[in-house]
Protein backbone atom coordinates (compact mmCIF):
# COMPACT_ATOMS: atom_id res chain seq x y z
CA UNK A 1 88.92 90.88 98.13
CA UNK A 2 89.96 92.95 101.11
CA UNK A 3 90.10 96.71 101.41
CA UNK A 4 91.46 99.54 103.51
CA UNK A 5 88.37 101.15 105.04
CA UNK A 6 89.89 104.04 106.97
CA UNK A 7 93.00 105.59 108.41
CA UNK A 8 93.95 107.99 111.15
CA UNK A 9 96.78 109.80 112.85
CA UNK A 10 96.20 109.42 116.58
CA UNK A 11 98.02 110.61 119.68
CA UNK A 12 99.12 108.03 122.25
CA UNK A 13 100.50 110.38 124.91
CA UNK A 14 100.85 109.14 128.53
CA UNK A 15 98.29 111.57 130.04
CA UNK A 16 95.57 109.67 128.19
CA UNK A 17 95.85 106.75 130.61
CA UNK A 18 96.27 108.77 133.79
CA UNK A 19 93.34 109.23 136.20
CA UNK A 20 91.13 112.21 135.43
CA UNK A 21 92.18 114.12 138.54
CA UNK A 22 95.84 113.92 137.50
CA UNK A 23 95.03 114.92 133.92
CA UNK A 24 93.24 118.00 135.27
CA UNK A 25 96.04 118.76 137.70
CA UNK A 26 98.52 118.82 134.82
CA UNK A 27 96.23 120.97 132.69
CA UNK A 28 95.20 123.86 134.93
CA UNK A 29 91.99 122.17 136.05
CA UNK A 30 90.74 121.22 132.57
CA UNK A 31 90.73 117.77 131.02
CA UNK A 32 92.64 117.18 127.81
CA UNK A 33 90.38 117.12 124.75
CA UNK A 34 92.52 114.27 123.40
CA UNK A 35 90.86 111.93 125.92
CA UNK A 36 87.28 112.52 124.75
CA UNK A 37 88.53 112.81 121.16
CA UNK A 38 89.64 109.18 121.03
CA UNK A 39 86.29 107.98 122.38
CA UNK A 40 84.50 110.12 119.78
CA UNK A 41 86.72 108.80 116.99
CA UNK A 42 85.81 105.24 117.96
CA UNK A 43 82.09 105.97 118.07
CA UNK A 44 81.82 108.12 114.95
CA UNK A 45 84.39 106.58 112.61
CA UNK A 46 86.14 103.39 113.69
CA UNK A 47 83.13 101.41 114.88
CA UNK A 48 80.93 102.24 111.85
CA UNK A 49 83.46 100.96 109.27
CA UNK A 50 83.34 97.51 110.91
CA UNK A 51 87.01 96.71 110.49
CA UNK A 52 88.25 93.15 110.86
CA UNK A 53 91.81 94.27 111.64
CA UNK A 54 93.44 97.41 112.99
CA UNK A 55 97.06 97.98 111.97
CA UNK A 56 99.00 100.33 114.26
CA UNK A 57 102.14 102.04 113.01
CA UNK A 58 104.10 102.41 116.25
CA UNK A 59 106.44 105.39 116.51
CA UNK A 60 108.18 103.98 119.61
CA UNK A 61 109.14 100.73 117.90
CA UNK A 62 112.32 101.57 116.01
CA UNK A 63 113.86 99.03 113.63
CA UNK A 64 117.04 99.37 111.60
CA UNK A 65 117.59 97.06 108.64
CA UNK A 66 114.02 96.17 107.68
CA UNK A 67 110.38 96.90 108.30
CA UNK A 68 108.99 94.57 110.99
CA UNK A 69 105.38 93.61 111.67
CA UNK A 70 104.10 91.65 114.67
CA UNK A 71 102.48 88.37 113.60
CA UNK A 72 101.29 86.93 116.93
CA UNK A 73 98.06 84.98 117.28
CA UNK A 74 97.40 86.95 120.44
CA UNK A 75 99.21 89.48 122.59
CA UNK A 76 98.39 89.81 126.27
CA UNK A 77 100.08 90.76 129.49
CA UNK A 78 100.89 93.73 131.70
CA UNK A 79 102.72 96.73 130.32
CA UNK A 80 105.11 98.93 132.31
CA UNK A 81 106.85 101.71 130.44
CA UNK A 82 110.61 101.95 130.77
CA UNK A 83 110.23 105.64 129.87
CA UNK A 84 107.58 106.60 132.42
CA UNK A 85 106.86 103.75 134.86
CA UNK A 86 105.37 106.22 137.35
CA UNK A 87 102.49 106.92 134.95
CA UNK A 88 102.22 103.68 132.96
CA UNK A 89 102.66 100.71 135.26
CA UNK A 90 101.25 97.20 134.88
CA UNK A 91 98.58 98.33 132.44
CA UNK A 92 96.78 95.23 131.13
CA UNK A 93 96.43 94.51 127.42
CA UNK A 94 94.83 91.60 125.59
CA UNK A 95 93.99 91.46 121.90
CA UNK A 96 93.88 88.91 119.07
CA UNK A 97 96.42 89.33 116.30
CA UNK A 98 96.22 88.70 112.57
CA UNK A 99 99.17 86.51 111.56
CA UNK A 100 97.66 85.86 108.14
CA UNK A 101 97.71 89.56 107.27
CA UNK A 102 101.14 90.11 108.86
CA UNK A 103 102.66 87.28 106.84
CA UNK A 104 100.93 88.40 103.64
CA UNK A 105 102.36 91.89 104.18
CA UNK A 106 105.85 90.47 104.64
CA UNK A 107 105.44 88.29 101.55
CA UNK A 108 104.91 91.35 99.33
CA UNK A 109 108.61 92.20 99.71
CA UNK A 110 109.99 88.77 98.89
CA UNK A 111 110.48 89.39 95.17
CA UNK A 112 111.70 92.99 95.59
CA UNK A 113 115.17 94.40 96.04
CA UNK A 114 114.09 97.88 97.21
CA UNK A 115 112.47 96.99 100.53
CA UNK A 116 112.44 94.30 103.20
CA UNK A 117 109.58 93.30 105.50
CA UNK A 118 109.80 90.65 108.21
CA UNK A 119 106.91 89.18 110.21
CA UNK A 120 107.80 88.23 113.81
CA UNK A 121 105.73 86.24 116.32
CA UNK A 122 108.34 85.87 119.08
CA UNK A 123 106.43 85.84 122.40
CA UNK A 124 109.15 87.96 124.02
CA UNK A 125 108.97 90.73 121.44
CA UNK A 126 108.34 93.91 123.47
CA UNK A 127 105.18 95.92 123.01
CA UNK A 128 105.14 99.70 123.26
CA UNK A 129 102.66 102.21 124.60
CA UNK A 130 101.69 103.68 121.19
CA UNK A 131 99.68 100.44 120.93
CA UNK A 132 98.75 99.79 124.56
CA UNK A 133 97.51 103.31 125.30
CA UNK A 134 95.02 103.19 122.40
CA UNK A 135 93.28 100.03 123.56
CA UNK A 136 91.06 101.47 126.33
CA UNK A 137 89.63 103.92 123.78
CA UNK A 138 89.60 102.14 120.44
CA UNK A 139 89.60 98.39 121.02
CA UNK A 140 86.53 96.48 119.90
CA UNK A 141 86.23 93.02 118.40
CA UNK A 142 88.91 93.63 115.76
CA UNK A 143 92.22 91.87 115.44
CA UNK A 144 95.16 94.20 116.11
CA UNK A 145 98.69 94.10 114.75
CA UNK A 146 101.53 96.59 114.94
CA UNK A 147 104.46 97.54 112.77
CA UNK A 148 107.61 99.49 113.55
CA UNK A 149 109.30 102.58 112.17
CA UNK A 150 112.49 101.75 110.28
CA UNK A 151 115.01 104.41 111.29
CA UNK A 152 117.00 104.05 108.07
CA UNK A 153 113.88 104.60 105.92
CA UNK A 154 112.82 107.81 104.19
CA UNK A 155 109.47 108.99 102.85
CA UNK A 156 109.73 106.80 99.75
CA UNK A 157 110.27 103.71 101.93
CA UNK A 158 107.41 104.56 104.29
CA UNK A 159 104.97 105.24 101.47
CA UNK A 160 105.96 101.96 99.81
CA UNK A 161 105.50 100.07 103.09
CA UNK A 162 101.95 101.39 103.28
CA UNK A 163 101.31 100.63 99.60
CA UNK A 164 102.41 97.04 100.15
CA UNK A 165 100.05 96.77 103.12
CA UNK A 166 97.18 97.73 100.83
CA UNK A 167 98.36 95.13 98.29
CA UNK A 168 98.46 92.46 101.01
CA UNK A 169 94.99 93.41 102.24
CA UNK A 170 93.62 93.16 98.70
CA UNK A 171 94.53 89.46 98.61
CA UNK A 172 92.60 88.62 101.77
CA UNK A 173 89.03 88.83 103.02
CA UNK A 174 89.72 91.79 105.31
CA UNK A 175 88.43 95.22 106.16
CA UNK A 176 91.42 97.08 107.59
CA UNK A 177 91.96 100.40 109.36
CA UNK A 178 95.48 101.86 109.61
CA UNK A 179 96.31 103.96 112.67
CA UNK A 180 99.45 106.07 112.61
CA UNK A 181 100.13 106.28 116.34
CA UNK A 182 102.29 109.33 116.96
CA UNK A 183 102.50 113.09 117.19
CA UNK A 184 103.41 116.07 115.05
CA UNK A 185 106.39 118.22 116.09
CA UNK A 186 108.25 116.37 118.80
CA UNK A 187 110.71 118.43 120.80
CA UNK A 188 110.52 118.22 124.61
CA UNK A 189 111.28 120.94 127.11
CA UNK A 190 114.56 120.60 129.04
CA UNK A 191 114.26 118.82 132.38
CA UNK A 192 114.59 121.95 134.54
CA UNK A 193 111.77 123.61 132.57
CA UNK A 194 109.66 120.53 131.90
CA UNK A 195 107.19 120.85 134.77
CA UNK A 196 106.29 124.37 133.74
CA UNK A 197 104.99 123.09 130.42
CA UNK A 198 102.76 120.09 131.12
CA UNK A 199 99.47 121.83 130.24
CA UNK A 200 97.78 121.50 126.85
CA UNK A 201 97.62 125.07 125.53
CA UNK A 202 99.74 125.03 122.35
CA UNK A 203 100.23 128.80 122.43
CA UNK A 204 102.11 128.49 125.71
CA UNK A 205 103.62 125.04 125.65
CA UNK A 206 104.63 123.90 122.15
CA UNK A 207 108.43 123.91 122.17
CA UNK A 208 108.87 126.78 119.66
CA UNK A 209 106.57 129.16 117.76
CA UNK A 210 108.01 127.81 114.53
CA UNK A 211 107.08 124.24 115.47
CA UNK A 212 103.55 125.37 116.36
CA UNK A 213 103.18 127.11 113.00
CA UNK A 214 104.45 124.02 111.17
CA UNK A 215 102.01 121.77 113.07
CA UNK A 216 99.08 124.04 112.25
CA UNK A 217 100.11 124.09 108.58
CA UNK A 218 100.16 120.28 108.44
CA UNK A 219 96.79 120.08 110.21
CA UNK A 220 95.19 122.45 107.70
CA UNK A 221 96.61 120.45 104.80
CA UNK A 222 95.22 117.25 106.37
CA UNK A 223 91.78 118.83 106.66
CA UNK A 224 91.98 119.94 103.03
CA UNK A 225 93.03 116.48 101.86
CA UNK A 226 96.18 117.93 100.28
CA UNK A 227 98.47 115.05 101.15
CA UNK A 228 100.87 115.72 98.29
CA UNK A 229 101.56 119.13 99.84
CA UNK A 230 102.33 117.48 103.19
CA UNK A 231 104.86 115.18 101.55
CA UNK A 232 106.43 118.19 99.83
CA UNK A 233 106.56 120.03 103.18
CA UNK A 234 108.50 117.25 104.91
CA UNK A 235 112.01 118.75 104.40
CA UNK A 236 110.90 121.85 106.31
CA UNK A 237 108.83 119.91 108.85
CA UNK A 238 111.84 117.74 109.76
CA UNK A 239 113.42 120.81 111.37
CA UNK A 240 110.86 120.36 114.16
CA UNK A 241 111.52 116.66 114.73
CA UNK A 242 108.15 115.12 113.79
CA UNK A 243 107.68 111.97 115.83
CA UNK A 244 108.94 108.78 114.22
CA UNK A 245 110.24 110.73 111.18
CA UNK A 246 106.51 111.19 110.47
CA UNK A 247 106.62 107.58 109.29
CA UNK A 248 103.34 106.76 111.03
CA UNK A 249 101.52 109.26 108.82
CA UNK A 250 103.42 108.25 105.68
CA UNK A 251 102.74 104.51 106.05
CA UNK A 252 99.06 105.26 106.64
CA UNK A 253 99.08 107.55 103.60
CA UNK A 254 100.73 104.90 101.46
CA UNK A 255 97.96 102.47 102.36
CA UNK A 256 95.34 105.08 101.44
CA UNK A 257 96.82 105.81 98.02
CA UNK A 258 99.96 107.85 98.60
CA UNK A 259 100.39 111.33 97.14
CA UNK A 260 97.24 110.85 95.08
CA UNK A 261 95.10 110.45 98.20
CA UNK A 262 92.68 113.38 98.63
CA UNK A 263 90.81 112.19 101.71
CA UNK A 264 89.97 115.14 103.94
CA UNK A 265 90.78 114.78 107.61
CA UNK A 266 88.16 114.94 110.35
CA UNK A 267 89.67 116.22 113.60
CA UNK A 268 88.67 114.83 117.00
CA UNK A 269 89.62 116.94 119.99
CA UNK A 270 91.80 120.03 119.72
CA UNK A 271 95.39 120.48 118.64
CA UNK A 272 97.21 120.30 121.97
CA UNK A 273 100.67 120.45 123.47
CA UNK A 274 102.05 117.61 125.56
CA UNK A 275 105.40 118.42 127.19
CA UNK A 276 106.33 120.62 124.25
CA UNK A 277 105.20 118.25 121.49
CA UNK A 278 102.30 118.74 119.06
CA UNK A 279 99.39 116.29 119.25
CA UNK A 280 96.21 115.74 117.24
CA UNK A 281 93.69 113.04 116.31
CA UNK A 282 92.76 113.10 112.61
CA UNK A 283 90.60 110.52 110.80
CA UNK A 284 90.60 109.96 107.01
CA UNK A 285 87.65 108.29 105.28
CA UNK A 286 88.20 106.03 102.31
């Protein structure tokens, strides 16, 4: 019988894959703590749980009428971002997939009328940088698969999607980690102001004081393991545009037990701003 052996909310921001000198140039001479934080998360948490498969919930992969999970045997190539090709250009990626798990996850919805999951192995299916940017830090010998954020879903749908992942894992011989790849509050600075706010200090560069306060509240609840309170806070948090409708966190939470989960978060790196958005790495033991 398989099991979920860990989960995390992780930042995938473009500065992570920029050269160190550019990262420091953007951040007043200092390096972002998010860079070292991902390496530390791998060493202290991800590697020790010896996962067979890593499932990434990708906040840049938006779907509409169903949840979709990538079911390729392998994904490899060169990635250039349509959003920021100047900073993410022809970055190589190569990782084995887990079609058995992807198809088992999709199969959990077949007898239901309240959710729909489709597994796709089309070789031309685009890949997004919330997956690619994590690989230099977190990739080991595991299989990796990714799933999208359904833009017509709400918190009930996301939690159920994660719950069904756990059910699929339980039918297989798998140790699985779920990574919610995305940020907290997610409002950018306007273009004419943007380049004044590329440093990491949240006191100066998070888009609004209210968004910063909301992010800090969510972080403290994560550290306390009070996930039910985070779900209850979502109506207020939505005012600050959490990335991907906060679906990356909710799917991960659903896989870890939903509202009843009490796993306390371990933070890697500091809470930082990136172009006005709130970013953090937070691991949850099982």
